[in-house]
Amino acid sequence: MEFGECYYNTVKIKYTCYFKITKMSELYKCTLPPNAIQHAIECLNEAEEKRDQCIHEILEWLQTQSNLRARNDPVNVVRFLRGCKFDIERTKRKITNYYELRARCPEWFSNRDPCLPEIQELLRLGVFLPLRKRDEHGRLVVLIRVAVHNPKKHKQSDVFKVGKMALELALEDDESISVFGVAAVFDMSGVTLGHAMQLPPHIVKKAVHAWQ
């Protein structure tokens, strides 16, 4: 399955500290196609001069937030800014919430080796499938097959982990996803009591928060 193979060839991404950069123009290099740039301007309040200033402000703020252990590269910061329509205070809250969630949920965000047998098996099953074709709004469409795994064999935390890994890989591969967003389609066929018992209310609440 090609979806699984994309993980096998994943290499570690090295992040560079950008705090010493002084020229705004060096902070971030846009790779968006023209239609995504236009959408970002019209719908996300993005403009080149404003974007660079906001990136610089968030990077400076991150210097004071060592407890978050957050990525400090401009590309990652831009994703959060776009998700908050370049509202600085909202962006700070979202970054804080995101990294605090990662700290609270090590079962989803640690030991993310795609070659682990339990991860490979879920990839082969196709629990979380990004589709090739975007929807009419330009969004990445992901098919979430809720019941394709065996609840007696597979941990729900590993299912969530695969979904997070796939989404983050997609974001690294295509910047336009941070502009148009993601549409999730849930395939509920074959759901059993065993699947339902893997998702008590507190887990569902945490999963929704993680998506946000």
N, C-alpha and C. Protein backbone atom coordinates (compact mmCIF):
# COMPACT_ATOMS: atom_id res chain seq x y z
N MET A 1 0.84 -1.20 0.00
CA MET A 1 0.00 0.00 0.00
C MET A 1 0.87 1.24 0.00
N GLU A 2 0.61 2.16 -0.92
CA GLU A 2 1.46 3.33 -1.06
C GLU A 2 1.41 4.22 0.18
N PHE A 3 0.27 4.25 0.84
CA PHE A 3 0.16 5.08 2.04
C PHE A 3 1.16 4.64 3.10
N GLY A 4 1.28 3.31 3.26
CA GLY A 4 2.23 2.81 4.23
C GLY A 4 3.66 3.05 3.80
N GLU A 5 3.93 2.91 2.50
CA GLU A 5 5.28 3.07 2.00
C GLU A 5 5.82 4.47 2.24
N CYS A 6 4.93 5.47 2.25
CA CYS A 6 5.40 6.83 2.46
C CYS A 6 6.04 6.97 3.84
N TYR A 7 5.63 6.11 4.77
CA TYR A 7 6.24 6.14 6.10
C TYR A 7 7.60 5.47 6.10
N TYR A 8 7.73 4.41 5.31
CA TYR A 8 8.96 3.65 5.36
C TYR A 8 10.14 4.49 4.87
N ASN A 9 9.86 5.45 3.99
CA ASN A 9 10.92 6.26 3.42
C ASN A 9 11.09 7.59 4.13
N THR A 10 10.36 7.77 5.23
CA THR A 10 10.45 9.03 5.96
C THR A 10 11.82 9.17 6.60
N VAL A 11 12.40 10.33 6.47
CA VAL A 11 13.68 10.60 7.12
C VAL A 11 13.44 11.59 8.24
N LYS A 12 14.34 11.61 9.18
CA LYS A 12 14.22 12.55 10.29
C LYS A 12 14.43 13.96 9.78
N ILE A 13 13.61 14.88 10.24
CA ILE A 13 13.70 16.27 9.84
C ILE A 13 14.51 17.01 10.89
N LYS A 14 15.51 17.72 10.44
CA LYS A 14 16.33 18.48 11.36
C LYS A 14 15.83 19.90 11.42
N TYR A 15 15.57 20.36 12.61
CA TYR A 15 15.08 21.70 12.79
C TYR A 15 16.20 22.62 13.24
N THR A 16 16.24 23.79 12.70
CA THR A 16 17.28 24.77 13.00
C THR A 16 16.70 25.89 13.82
N CYS A 17 17.44 26.36 14.79
CA CYS A 17 16.99 27.49 15.57
C CYS A 17 17.11 28.75 14.74
N TYR A 18 16.03 29.51 14.64
CA TYR A 18 15.99 30.69 13.79
C TYR A 18 16.04 31.99 14.59
N PHE A 19 16.24 31.89 15.87
CA PHE A 19 16.16 33.09 16.69
C PHE A 19 17.23 34.11 16.35
N LYS A 20 18.35 33.68 15.75
CA LYS A 20 19.42 34.61 15.47
C LYS A 20 19.25 35.31 14.12
N ILE A 21 18.22 34.94 13.38
CA ILE A 21 17.98 35.56 12.08
C ILE A 21 17.52 37.00 12.29
N THR A 22 18.09 37.90 11.58
CA THR A 22 17.76 39.31 11.78
C THR A 22 16.93 39.88 10.64
N LYS A 23 17.08 39.34 9.43
CA LYS A 23 16.34 39.86 8.30
C LYS A 23 14.99 39.16 8.20
N MET A 24 13.92 39.96 8.17
CA MET A 24 12.58 39.39 8.10
C MET A 24 12.41 38.50 6.88
N SER A 25 12.99 38.89 5.75
CA SER A 25 12.80 38.15 4.51
C SER A 25 13.40 36.75 4.57
N GLU A 26 14.29 36.52 5.55
CA GLU A 26 14.92 35.21 5.67
C GLU A 26 14.14 34.27 6.58
N LEU A 27 13.12 34.79 7.25
CA LEU A 27 12.40 33.98 8.21
C LEU A 27 11.65 32.82 7.56
N TYR A 28 11.03 33.07 6.45
CA TYR A 28 10.11 32.08 5.89
C TYR A 28 10.06 32.22 4.37
N LYS A 29 10.12 31.10 3.68
CA LYS A 29 10.02 31.09 2.22
C LYS A 29 8.74 30.38 1.83
N CYS A 30 7.84 31.11 1.22
CA CYS A 30 6.53 30.56 0.86
C CYS A 30 6.65 29.60 -0.32
N THR A 31 6.02 28.42 -0.20
CA THR A 31 6.00 27.44 -1.29
C THR A 31 4.59 27.20 -1.82
N LEU A 32 3.67 28.09 -1.46
CA LEU A 32 2.27 27.90 -1.85
C LEU A 32 2.04 28.21 -3.33
N PRO A 33 1.12 27.48 -3.97
CA PRO A 33 0.72 27.84 -5.33
C PRO A 33 -0.14 29.10 -5.30
N PRO A 34 -0.32 29.76 -6.45
CA PRO A 34 -1.05 31.04 -6.48
C PRO A 34 -2.45 30.98 -5.86
N ASN A 35 -3.20 29.90 -6.12
CA ASN A 35 -4.57 29.84 -5.59
C ASN A 35 -4.57 29.75 -4.07
N ALA A 36 -3.56 29.09 -3.50
CA ALA A 36 -3.48 29.00 -2.04
C ALA A 36 -3.07 30.33 -1.43
N ILE A 37 -2.18 31.03 -2.10
CA ILE A 37 -1.78 32.36 -1.64
C ILE A 37 -2.98 33.29 -1.60
N GLN A 38 -3.78 33.25 -2.66
CA GLN A 38 -4.97 34.11 -2.71
C GLN A 38 -5.96 33.75 -1.62
N HIS A 39 -6.14 32.46 -1.38
CA HIS A 39 -7.06 32.01 -0.33
C HIS A 39 -6.56 32.47 1.04
N ALA A 40 -5.26 32.39 1.26
CA ALA A 40 -4.68 32.81 2.54
C ALA A 40 -4.89 34.31 2.77
N ILE A 41 -4.77 35.08 1.71
CA ILE A 41 -4.97 36.53 1.81
C ILE A 41 -6.43 36.85 2.13
N GLU A 42 -7.35 36.21 1.40
CA GLU A 42 -8.77 36.53 1.51
C GLU A 42 -9.43 35.95 2.76
N CYS A 43 -8.98 34.75 3.17
CA CYS A 43 -9.69 34.04 4.25
C CYS A 43 -8.92 33.94 5.56
N LEU A 44 -7.60 34.12 5.52
CA LEU A 44 -6.80 33.91 6.73
C LEU A 44 -6.08 35.17 7.19
N ASN A 45 -6.38 36.27 6.56
CA ASN A 45 -5.75 37.55 6.93
C ASN A 45 -4.23 37.53 6.76
N GLU A 46 -3.76 36.77 5.78
CA GLU A 46 -2.32 36.64 5.59
C GLU A 46 -1.84 37.63 4.54
N ALA A 47 -0.77 38.33 4.86
CA ALA A 47 -0.08 39.21 3.92
C ALA A 47 1.40 39.10 4.22
N GLU A 48 2.22 39.23 3.20
CA GLU A 48 3.65 38.95 3.36
C GLU A 48 4.28 39.75 4.49
N GLU A 49 4.06 41.04 4.51
CA GLU A 49 4.69 41.87 5.54
C GLU A 49 4.17 41.51 6.93
N LYS A 50 2.86 41.33 7.04
CA LYS A 50 2.26 40.97 8.33
C LYS A 50 2.72 39.59 8.77
N ARG A 51 2.81 38.66 7.83
CA ARG A 51 3.21 37.29 8.15
C ARG A 51 4.60 37.26 8.77
N ASP A 52 5.55 37.93 8.16
CA ASP A 52 6.91 37.91 8.67
C ASP A 52 7.01 38.55 10.06
N GLN A 53 6.25 39.61 10.26
CA GLN A 53 6.25 40.27 11.57
C GLN A 53 5.66 39.34 12.63
N CYS A 54 4.58 38.65 12.28
CA CYS A 54 3.94 37.72 13.22
C CYS A 54 4.86 36.54 13.54
N ILE A 55 5.53 36.02 12.53
CA ILE A 55 6.47 34.92 12.77
C ILE A 55 7.54 35.36 13.75
N HIS A 56 8.09 36.53 13.50
CA HIS A 56 9.14 37.07 14.36
C HIS A 56 8.65 37.22 15.80
N GLU A 57 7.43 37.69 15.96
CA GLU A 57 6.88 37.90 17.30
C GLU A 57 6.66 36.58 18.03
N ILE A 58 6.15 35.57 17.31
CA ILE A 58 5.93 34.27 17.94
C ILE A 58 7.25 33.60 18.28
N LEU A 59 8.24 33.71 17.40
CA LEU A 59 9.54 33.12 17.69
C LEU A 59 10.18 33.75 18.93
N GLU A 60 10.04 35.05 19.07
CA GLU A 60 10.56 35.72 20.26
C GLU A 60 9.82 35.25 21.51
N TRP A 61 8.51 35.09 21.38
CA TRP A 61 7.72 34.61 22.51
C TRP A 61 8.13 33.19 22.91
N LEU A 62 8.40 32.33 21.91
CA LEU A 62 8.80 30.96 22.20
C LEU A 62 10.10 30.89 22.98
N GLN A 63 10.95 31.89 22.82
CA GLN A 63 12.19 31.93 23.59
C GLN A 63 11.92 31.99 25.09
N THR A 64 10.76 32.49 25.45
CA THR A 64 10.42 32.62 26.87
C THR A 64 9.58 31.44 27.36
N GLN A 65 9.33 30.46 26.47
CA GLN A 65 8.44 29.34 26.81
C GLN A 65 9.17 28.01 26.70
N SER A 66 10.32 27.92 27.32
CA SER A 66 11.13 26.70 27.21
C SER A 66 10.41 25.48 27.77
N ASN A 67 9.45 25.69 28.65
CA ASN A 67 8.70 24.57 29.24
C ASN A 67 7.86 23.83 28.20
N LEU A 68 7.54 24.49 27.09
CA LEU A 68 6.71 23.86 26.07
C LEU A 68 7.49 22.87 25.20
N ARG A 69 8.80 23.05 25.11
CA ARG A 69 9.63 22.22 24.23
C ARG A 69 9.07 22.23 22.81
N ALA A 70 8.74 23.41 22.33
CA ALA A 70 8.08 23.56 21.03
C ALA A 70 9.09 23.68 19.89
N ARG A 71 8.68 23.25 18.72
CA ARG A 71 9.47 23.51 17.52
C ARG A 71 9.54 25.02 17.30
N ASN A 72 10.71 25.48 16.88
CA ASN A 72 10.89 26.92 16.72
C ASN A 72 11.24 27.32 15.30
N ASP A 73 10.84 26.49 14.33
CA ASP A 73 11.11 26.86 12.94
C ASP A 73 9.93 27.63 12.37
N PRO A 74 10.18 28.60 11.47
CA PRO A 74 9.12 29.46 10.94
C PRO A 74 7.98 28.71 10.25
N VAL A 75 8.29 27.64 9.53
CA VAL A 75 7.24 26.90 8.81
C VAL A 75 6.19 26.37 9.79
N ASN A 76 6.65 25.84 10.91
CA ASN A 76 5.71 25.33 11.91
C ASN A 76 4.92 26.46 12.55
N VAL A 77 5.57 27.58 12.80
CA VAL A 77 4.88 28.73 13.39
C VAL A 77 3.79 29.24 12.45
N VAL A 78 4.07 29.28 11.15
CA VAL A 78 3.09 29.76 10.17
C VAL A 78 1.82 28.91 10.21
N ARG A 79 1.96 27.61 10.41
CA ARG A 79 0.78 26.74 10.48
C ARG A 79 -0.15 27.17 11.60
N PHE A 80 0.41 27.45 12.75
CA PHE A 80 -0.41 27.90 13.88
C PHE A 80 -1.01 29.27 13.61
N LEU A 81 -0.24 30.16 13.01
CA LEU A 81 -0.76 31.49 12.68
C LEU A 81 -1.94 31.40 11.72
N ARG A 82 -1.83 30.57 10.72
CA ARG A 82 -2.93 30.42 9.76
C ARG A 82 -4.16 29.84 10.44
N GLY A 83 -3.95 28.90 11.33
CA GLY A 83 -5.09 28.31 12.03
C GLY A 83 -5.80 29.29 12.93
N CYS A 84 -5.14 30.39 13.26
CA CYS A 84 -5.73 31.43 14.12
C CYS A 84 -5.94 32.73 13.37
N LYS A 85 -5.86 32.69 12.04
CA LYS A 85 -6.04 33.86 11.19
C LYS A 85 -5.14 35.03 11.62
N PHE A 86 -3.92 34.67 12.01
CA PHE A 86 -2.87 35.63 12.34
C PHE A 86 -3.21 36.51 13.55
N ASP A 87 -4.03 35.97 14.43
CA ASP A 87 -4.27 36.60 15.72
C ASP A 87 -3.18 36.11 16.67
N ILE A 88 -2.31 37.00 17.10
CA ILE A 88 -1.15 36.61 17.89
C ILE A 88 -1.53 35.92 19.19
N GLU A 89 -2.46 36.48 19.94
CA GLU A 89 -2.83 35.90 21.23
C GLU A 89 -3.49 34.55 21.08
N ARG A 90 -4.35 34.40 20.08
CA ARG A 90 -4.96 33.09 19.81
C ARG A 90 -3.90 32.07 19.42
N THR A 91 -2.91 32.51 18.65
CA THR A 91 -1.84 31.62 18.23
C THR A 91 -1.03 31.14 19.42
N LYS A 92 -0.73 32.03 20.33
CA LYS A 92 0.00 31.64 21.54
C LYS A 92 -0.78 30.60 22.34
N ARG A 93 -2.09 30.82 22.47
CA ARG A 93 -2.91 29.86 23.22
C ARG A 93 -2.94 28.51 22.52
N LYS A 94 -3.04 28.53 21.20
CA LYS A 94 -3.12 27.27 20.46
C LYS A 94 -1.80 26.51 20.55
N ILE A 95 -0.69 27.20 20.43
CA ILE A 95 0.62 26.55 20.56
C ILE A 95 0.77 25.95 21.96
N THR A 96 0.39 26.73 22.97
CA THR A 96 0.48 26.25 24.35
C THR A 96 -0.38 25.02 24.54
N ASN A 97 -1.63 25.06 24.08
CA ASN A 97 -2.53 23.92 24.23
C ASN A 97 -1.98 22.68 23.52
N TYR A 98 -1.43 22.90 22.32
CA TYR A 98 -0.93 21.78 21.52
C TYR A 98 0.22 21.07 22.23
N TYR A 99 1.20 21.81 22.69
CA TYR A 99 2.36 21.18 23.31
C TYR A 99 2.06 20.66 24.71
N GLU A 100 1.13 21.28 25.40
CA GLU A 100 0.71 20.73 26.68
C GLU A 100 -0.02 19.41 26.48
N LEU A 101 -0.81 19.31 25.41
CA LEU A 101 -1.49 18.06 25.10
C LEU A 101 -0.48 16.96 24.79
N ARG A 102 0.55 17.28 24.03
CA ARG A 102 1.58 16.29 23.71
C ARG A 102 2.24 15.77 24.99
N ALA A 103 2.45 16.66 25.95
CA ALA A 103 3.06 16.24 27.21
C ALA A 103 2.13 15.34 28.02
N ARG A 104 0.82 15.62 27.93
CA ARG A 104 -0.16 14.84 28.71
C ARG A 104 -0.49 13.51 28.06
N CYS A 105 -0.19 13.35 26.77
CA CYS A 105 -0.59 12.14 26.04
C CYS A 105 0.62 11.46 25.39
N PRO A 106 1.56 11.00 26.19
CA PRO A 106 2.74 10.35 25.60
C PRO A 106 2.39 9.10 24.80
N GLU A 107 1.25 8.48 25.13
CA GLU A 107 0.84 7.28 24.39
C GLU A 107 0.52 7.58 22.94
N TRP A 108 0.24 8.83 22.61
CA TRP A 108 -0.04 9.23 21.22
C TRP A 108 1.18 9.83 20.53
N PHE A 109 2.05 10.45 21.30
CA PHE A 109 3.09 11.27 20.68
C PHE A 109 4.52 10.80 20.95
N SER A 110 4.70 9.67 21.60
CA SER A 110 6.05 9.16 21.83
C SER A 110 6.23 7.82 21.14
N ASN A 111 7.49 7.41 20.99
CA ASN A 111 7.81 6.12 20.36
C ASN A 111 7.11 5.97 19.01
N ARG A 112 7.30 6.98 18.16
CA ARG A 112 6.58 7.03 16.88
C ARG A 112 7.43 6.47 15.74
N ASP A 113 7.92 5.29 15.95
CA ASP A 113 8.71 4.62 14.92
C ASP A 113 7.76 3.92 13.96
N PRO A 114 7.71 4.34 12.69
CA PRO A 114 6.76 3.74 11.75
C PRO A 114 7.08 2.28 11.42
N CYS A 115 8.28 1.83 11.80
CA CYS A 115 8.65 0.45 11.51
C CYS A 115 8.29 -0.52 12.65
N LEU A 116 7.73 0.00 13.73
CA LEU A 116 7.27 -0.89 14.80
C LEU A 116 6.19 -1.82 14.26
N PRO A 117 6.20 -3.09 14.60
CA PRO A 117 5.21 -4.04 14.06
C PRO A 117 3.77 -3.60 14.26
N GLU A 118 3.46 -3.08 15.46
CA GLU A 118 2.07 -2.68 15.72
C GLU A 118 1.65 -1.48 14.87
N ILE A 119 2.59 -0.60 14.55
CA ILE A 119 2.28 0.54 13.68
C ILE A 119 2.17 0.10 12.23
N GLN A 120 3.09 -0.77 11.81
CA GLN A 120 3.06 -1.30 10.44
C GLN A 120 1.72 -2.00 10.14
N GLU A 121 1.25 -2.76 11.12
CA GLU A 121 0.01 -3.50 10.91
C GLU A 121 -1.17 -2.55 10.72
N LEU A 122 -1.23 -1.49 11.52
CA LEU A 122 -2.32 -0.53 11.38
C LEU A 122 -2.21 0.24 10.08
N LEU A 123 -1.00 0.51 9.63
CA LEU A 123 -0.82 1.16 8.33
C LEU A 123 -1.32 0.27 7.20
N ARG A 124 -1.00 -1.01 7.29
CA ARG A 124 -1.46 -1.94 6.25
C ARG A 124 -2.98 -2.06 6.25
N LEU A 125 -3.58 -1.99 7.45
CA LEU A 125 -5.04 -2.06 7.53
C LEU A 125 -5.70 -0.81 6.96
N GLY A 126 -4.97 0.31 6.97
CA GLY A 126 -5.53 1.55 6.44
C GLY A 126 -6.51 2.21 7.39
N VAL A 127 -6.11 2.36 8.65
CA VAL A 127 -7.01 2.99 9.62
C VAL A 127 -7.18 4.49 9.35
N PHE A 128 -6.22 5.09 8.69
CA PHE A 128 -6.24 6.54 8.45
C PHE A 128 -5.66 6.77 7.07
N LEU A 129 -6.51 7.07 6.10
CA LEU A 129 -6.08 7.13 4.70
C LEU A 129 -6.27 8.52 4.10
N PRO A 130 -5.21 9.27 3.88
CA PRO A 130 -5.33 10.52 3.10
C PRO A 130 -5.60 10.17 1.64
N LEU A 131 -6.61 10.80 1.06
CA LEU A 131 -6.96 10.52 -0.32
C LEU A 131 -6.16 11.42 -1.27
N ARG A 132 -5.99 10.94 -2.49
CA ARG A 132 -5.19 11.68 -3.47
C ARG A 132 -5.88 12.96 -3.92
N LYS A 133 -7.18 12.90 -4.09
CA LYS A 133 -7.92 14.04 -4.65
C LYS A 133 -8.46 14.93 -3.53
N ARG A 134 -8.28 16.24 -3.66
CA ARG A 134 -8.82 17.20 -2.70
C ARG A 134 -10.31 17.40 -2.94
N ASP A 135 -11.00 17.91 -1.95
CA ASP A 135 -12.42 18.19 -2.13
C ASP A 135 -12.61 19.52 -2.86
N GLU A 136 -13.84 19.94 -3.05
CA GLU A 136 -14.12 21.13 -3.85
C GLU A 136 -13.59 22.41 -3.21
N HIS A 137 -13.27 22.34 -1.94
CA HIS A 137 -12.74 23.51 -1.23
C HIS A 137 -11.22 23.48 -1.12
N GLY A 138 -10.59 22.49 -1.76
CA GLY A 138 -9.14 22.38 -1.72
C GLY A 138 -8.60 21.66 -0.51
N ARG A 139 -9.47 21.12 0.34
CA ARG A 139 -9.03 20.48 1.57
C ARG A 139 -8.52 19.06 1.32
N LEU A 140 -7.54 18.66 2.12
CA LEU A 140 -7.11 17.28 2.13
C LEU A 140 -8.23 16.44 2.74
N VAL A 141 -8.62 15.36 2.08
CA VAL A 141 -9.66 14.48 2.59
C VAL A 141 -9.00 13.24 3.19
N VAL A 142 -9.34 12.93 4.43
CA VAL A 142 -8.81 11.72 5.06
C VAL A 142 -9.98 10.81 5.41
N LEU A 143 -9.82 9.55 5.07
CA LEU A 143 -10.82 8.53 5.40
C LEU A 143 -10.37 7.83 6.68
N ILE A 144 -11.17 7.97 7.72
CA ILE A 144 -10.86 7.35 9.01
C ILE A 144 -11.74 6.12 9.16
N ARG A 145 -11.12 4.96 9.08
CA ARG A 145 -11.85 3.68 9.14
C ARG A 145 -11.89 3.23 10.61
N VAL A 146 -12.95 3.60 11.25
CA VAL A 146 -13.07 3.48 12.70
C VAL A 146 -12.99 2.03 13.17
N ALA A 147 -13.51 1.09 12.38
CA ALA A 147 -13.66 -0.28 12.87
C ALA A 147 -12.83 -1.30 12.09
N VAL A 148 -11.85 -0.84 11.33
CA VAL A 148 -11.09 -1.79 10.53
C VAL A 148 -10.09 -2.58 11.39
N HIS A 149 -9.75 -2.05 12.57
CA HIS A 149 -8.81 -2.76 13.45
C HIS A 149 -9.56 -3.68 14.40
N ASN A 150 -8.82 -4.57 15.01
CA ASN A 150 -9.38 -5.54 15.96
C ASN A 150 -9.18 -5.00 17.38
N PRO A 151 -10.26 -4.62 18.07
CA PRO A 151 -10.10 -4.04 19.41
C PRO A 151 -9.52 -5.00 20.44
N LYS A 152 -9.55 -6.30 20.15
CA LYS A 152 -8.96 -7.27 21.06
C LYS A 152 -7.45 -7.37 20.87
N LYS A 153 -6.98 -6.86 19.75
CA LYS A 153 -5.56 -6.99 19.41
C LYS A 153 -4.84 -5.65 19.36
N HIS A 154 -5.52 -4.62 18.85
CA HIS A 154 -4.87 -3.33 18.62
C HIS A 154 -5.28 -2.30 19.68
N LYS A 155 -4.31 -1.55 20.16
CA LYS A 155 -4.58 -0.50 21.12
C LYS A 155 -5.16 0.73 20.42
N GLN A 156 -6.16 1.34 21.05
CA GLN A 156 -6.74 2.56 20.49
C GLN A 156 -5.70 3.68 20.47
N SER A 157 -4.80 3.68 21.44
CA SER A 157 -3.76 4.71 21.47
C SER A 157 -2.85 4.60 20.24
N ASP A 158 -2.60 3.38 19.77
CA ASP A 158 -1.80 3.22 18.56
C ASP A 158 -2.56 3.66 17.32
N VAL A 159 -3.88 3.45 17.32
CA VAL A 159 -4.70 3.92 16.21
C VAL A 159 -4.63 5.45 16.11
N PHE A 160 -4.79 6.11 17.25
CA PHE A 160 -4.67 7.57 17.27
C PHE A 160 -3.26 8.01 16.87
N LYS A 161 -2.27 7.28 17.31
CA LYS A 161 -0.88 7.62 17.00
C LYS A 161 -0.65 7.60 15.49
N VAL A 162 -1.16 6.58 14.83
CA VAL A 162 -1.01 6.48 13.37
C VAL A 162 -1.68 7.66 12.68
N GLY A 163 -2.87 8.04 13.17
CA GLY A 163 -3.56 9.19 12.58
C GLY A 163 -2.77 10.47 12.73
N LYS A 164 -2.19 10.69 13.91
CA LYS A 164 -1.38 11.90 14.14
C LYS A 164 -0.14 11.89 13.26
N MET A 165 0.50 10.75 13.15
CA MET A 165 1.70 10.64 12.33
C MET A 165 1.39 10.93 10.86
N ALA A 166 0.28 10.37 10.38
CA ALA A 166 -0.09 10.57 8.98
C ALA A 166 -0.40 12.03 8.68
N LEU A 167 -1.11 12.66 9.59
CA LEU A 167 -1.48 14.06 9.39
C LEU A 167 -0.24 14.97 9.42
N GLU A 168 0.65 14.71 10.36
CA GLU A 168 1.85 15.54 10.46
C GLU A 168 2.75 15.35 9.24
N LEU A 169 2.82 14.12 8.73
CA LEU A 169 3.61 13.86 7.53
C LEU A 169 3.01 14.59 6.33
N ALA A 170 1.68 14.59 6.24
CA ALA A 170 1.02 15.29 5.14
C ALA A 170 1.31 16.80 5.21
N LEU A 171 1.28 17.37 6.42
CA LEU A 171 1.56 18.79 6.60
C LEU A 171 2.99 19.13 6.20
N GLU A 172 3.93 18.24 6.51
CA GLU A 172 5.32 18.47 6.13
C GLU A 172 5.49 18.41 4.61
N ASP A 173 4.69 17.56 3.97
CA ASP A 173 4.84 17.33 2.54
C ASP A 173 4.16 18.38 1.68
N ASP A 174 3.08 19.00 2.19
CA ASP A 174 2.29 19.92 1.37
C ASP A 174 1.84 21.10 2.22
N GLU A 175 2.46 22.25 1.99
CA GLU A 175 2.15 23.44 2.79
C GLU A 175 0.72 23.92 2.62
N SER A 176 0.11 23.64 1.47
CA SER A 176 -1.23 24.15 1.21
C SER A 176 -2.28 23.58 2.17
N ILE A 177 -1.97 22.46 2.83
CA ILE A 177 -2.90 21.90 3.80
C ILE A 177 -3.12 22.87 4.95
N SER A 178 -2.09 23.63 5.31
CA SER A 178 -2.23 24.60 6.39
C SER A 178 -3.07 25.80 5.98
N VAL A 179 -3.38 25.91 4.69
CA VAL A 179 -4.23 26.99 4.19
C VAL A 179 -5.67 26.52 4.00
N PHE A 180 -5.83 25.39 3.33
CA PHE A 180 -7.18 24.91 3.01
C PHE A 180 -7.77 24.00 4.09
N GLY A 181 -6.91 23.34 4.85
CA GLY A 181 -7.39 22.50 5.93
C GLY A 181 -7.63 21.06 5.54
N VAL A 182 -8.31 20.35 6.43
CA VAL A 182 -8.54 18.91 6.30
C VAL A 182 -10.02 18.61 6.49
N ALA A 183 -10.54 17.71 5.67
CA ALA A 183 -11.91 17.21 5.84
C ALA A 183 -11.83 15.73 6.20
N ALA A 184 -12.42 15.36 7.32
CA ALA A 184 -12.38 13.96 7.77
C ALA A 184 -13.69 13.27 7.44
N VAL A 185 -13.59 12.07 6.87
CA VAL A 185 -14.75 11.24 6.57
C VAL A 185 -14.63 9.97 7.42
N PHE A 186 -15.61 9.74 8.27
CA PHE A 186 -15.56 8.59 9.17
C PHE A 186 -16.36 7.42 8.59
N ASP A 187 -15.68 6.30 8.39
CA ASP A 187 -16.33 5.07 7.95
C ASP A 187 -16.65 4.26 9.21
N MET A 188 -17.94 4.22 9.54
CA MET A 188 -18.37 3.57 10.78
C MET A 188 -18.82 2.12 10.56
N SER A 189 -18.68 1.62 9.35
CA SER A 189 -19.15 0.26 9.07
C SER A 189 -18.36 -0.76 9.87
N GLY A 190 -19.07 -1.71 10.43
CA GLY A 190 -18.43 -2.79 11.18
C GLY A 190 -18.13 -2.46 12.63
N VAL A 191 -18.62 -1.33 13.13
CA VAL A 191 -18.36 -0.96 14.53
C VAL A 191 -19.03 -1.96 15.47
N THR A 192 -18.29 -2.40 16.47
CA THR A 192 -18.79 -3.36 17.44
C THR A 192 -18.74 -2.75 18.84
N LEU A 193 -19.28 -3.46 19.80
CA LEU A 193 -19.22 -3.01 21.19
C LEU A 193 -17.76 -2.88 21.64
N GLY A 194 -16.92 -3.77 21.14
CA GLY A 194 -15.51 -3.72 21.49
C GLY A 194 -14.85 -2.42 21.05
N HIS A 195 -15.21 -1.94 19.85
CA HIS A 195 -14.68 -0.66 19.37
C HIS A 195 -15.20 0.49 20.24
N ALA A 196 -16.47 0.42 20.56
CA ALA A 196 -17.08 1.48 21.38
C ALA A 196 -16.44 1.56 22.76
N MET A 197 -16.11 0.41 23.33
CA MET A 197 -15.52 0.39 24.66
C MET A 197 -14.10 0.96 24.68
N GLN A 198 -13.48 1.03 23.50
CA GLN A 198 -12.15 1.65 23.42
C GLN A 198 -12.23 3.18 23.44
N LEU A 199 -13.44 3.71 23.34
CA LEU A 199 -13.61 5.16 23.23
C LEU A 199 -14.56 5.69 24.31
N PRO A 200 -14.17 5.64 25.56
CA PRO A 200 -15.00 6.25 26.61
C PRO A 200 -15.02 7.76 26.43
N PRO A 201 -15.98 8.45 27.05
CA PRO A 201 -16.13 9.89 26.83
C PRO A 201 -14.86 10.71 27.02
N HIS A 202 -14.04 10.39 28.03
CA HIS A 202 -12.85 11.21 28.27
C HIS A 202 -11.83 11.06 27.15
N ILE A 203 -11.79 9.88 26.50
CA ILE A 203 -10.89 9.68 25.36
C ILE A 203 -11.40 10.45 24.14
N VAL A 204 -12.71 10.41 23.93
CA VAL A 204 -13.30 11.15 22.80
C VAL A 204 -13.04 12.63 22.96
N LYS A 205 -13.23 13.13 24.16
CA LYS A 205 -13.00 14.57 24.44
C LYS A 205 -11.55 14.94 24.15
N LYS A 206 -10.63 14.09 24.57
CA LYS A 206 -9.21 14.36 24.35
C LYS A 206 -8.87 14.31 22.86
N ALA A 207 -9.50 13.38 22.13
CA ALA A 207 -9.25 13.27 20.70
C ALA A 207 -9.76 14.50 19.95
N VAL A 208 -10.94 14.98 20.32
CA VAL A 208 -11.49 16.17 19.67
C VAL A 208 -10.58 17.37 19.94
N HIS A 209 -10.12 17.47 21.18
CA HIS A 209 -9.21 18.57 21.54
C HIS A 209 -7.92 18.50 20.72
N ALA A 210 -7.42 17.28 20.52
CA ALA A 210 -6.19 17.11 19.75
C ALA A 210 -6.38 17.53 18.30
N TRP A 211 -7.53 17.22 17.72
CA TRP A 211 -7.81 17.63 16.33
C TRP A 211 -7.87 19.16 16.24
N GLN A 212 -8.50 19.77 17.20
CA GLN A 212 -8.59 21.23 17.19
C GLN A 212 -7.22 21.88 17.28
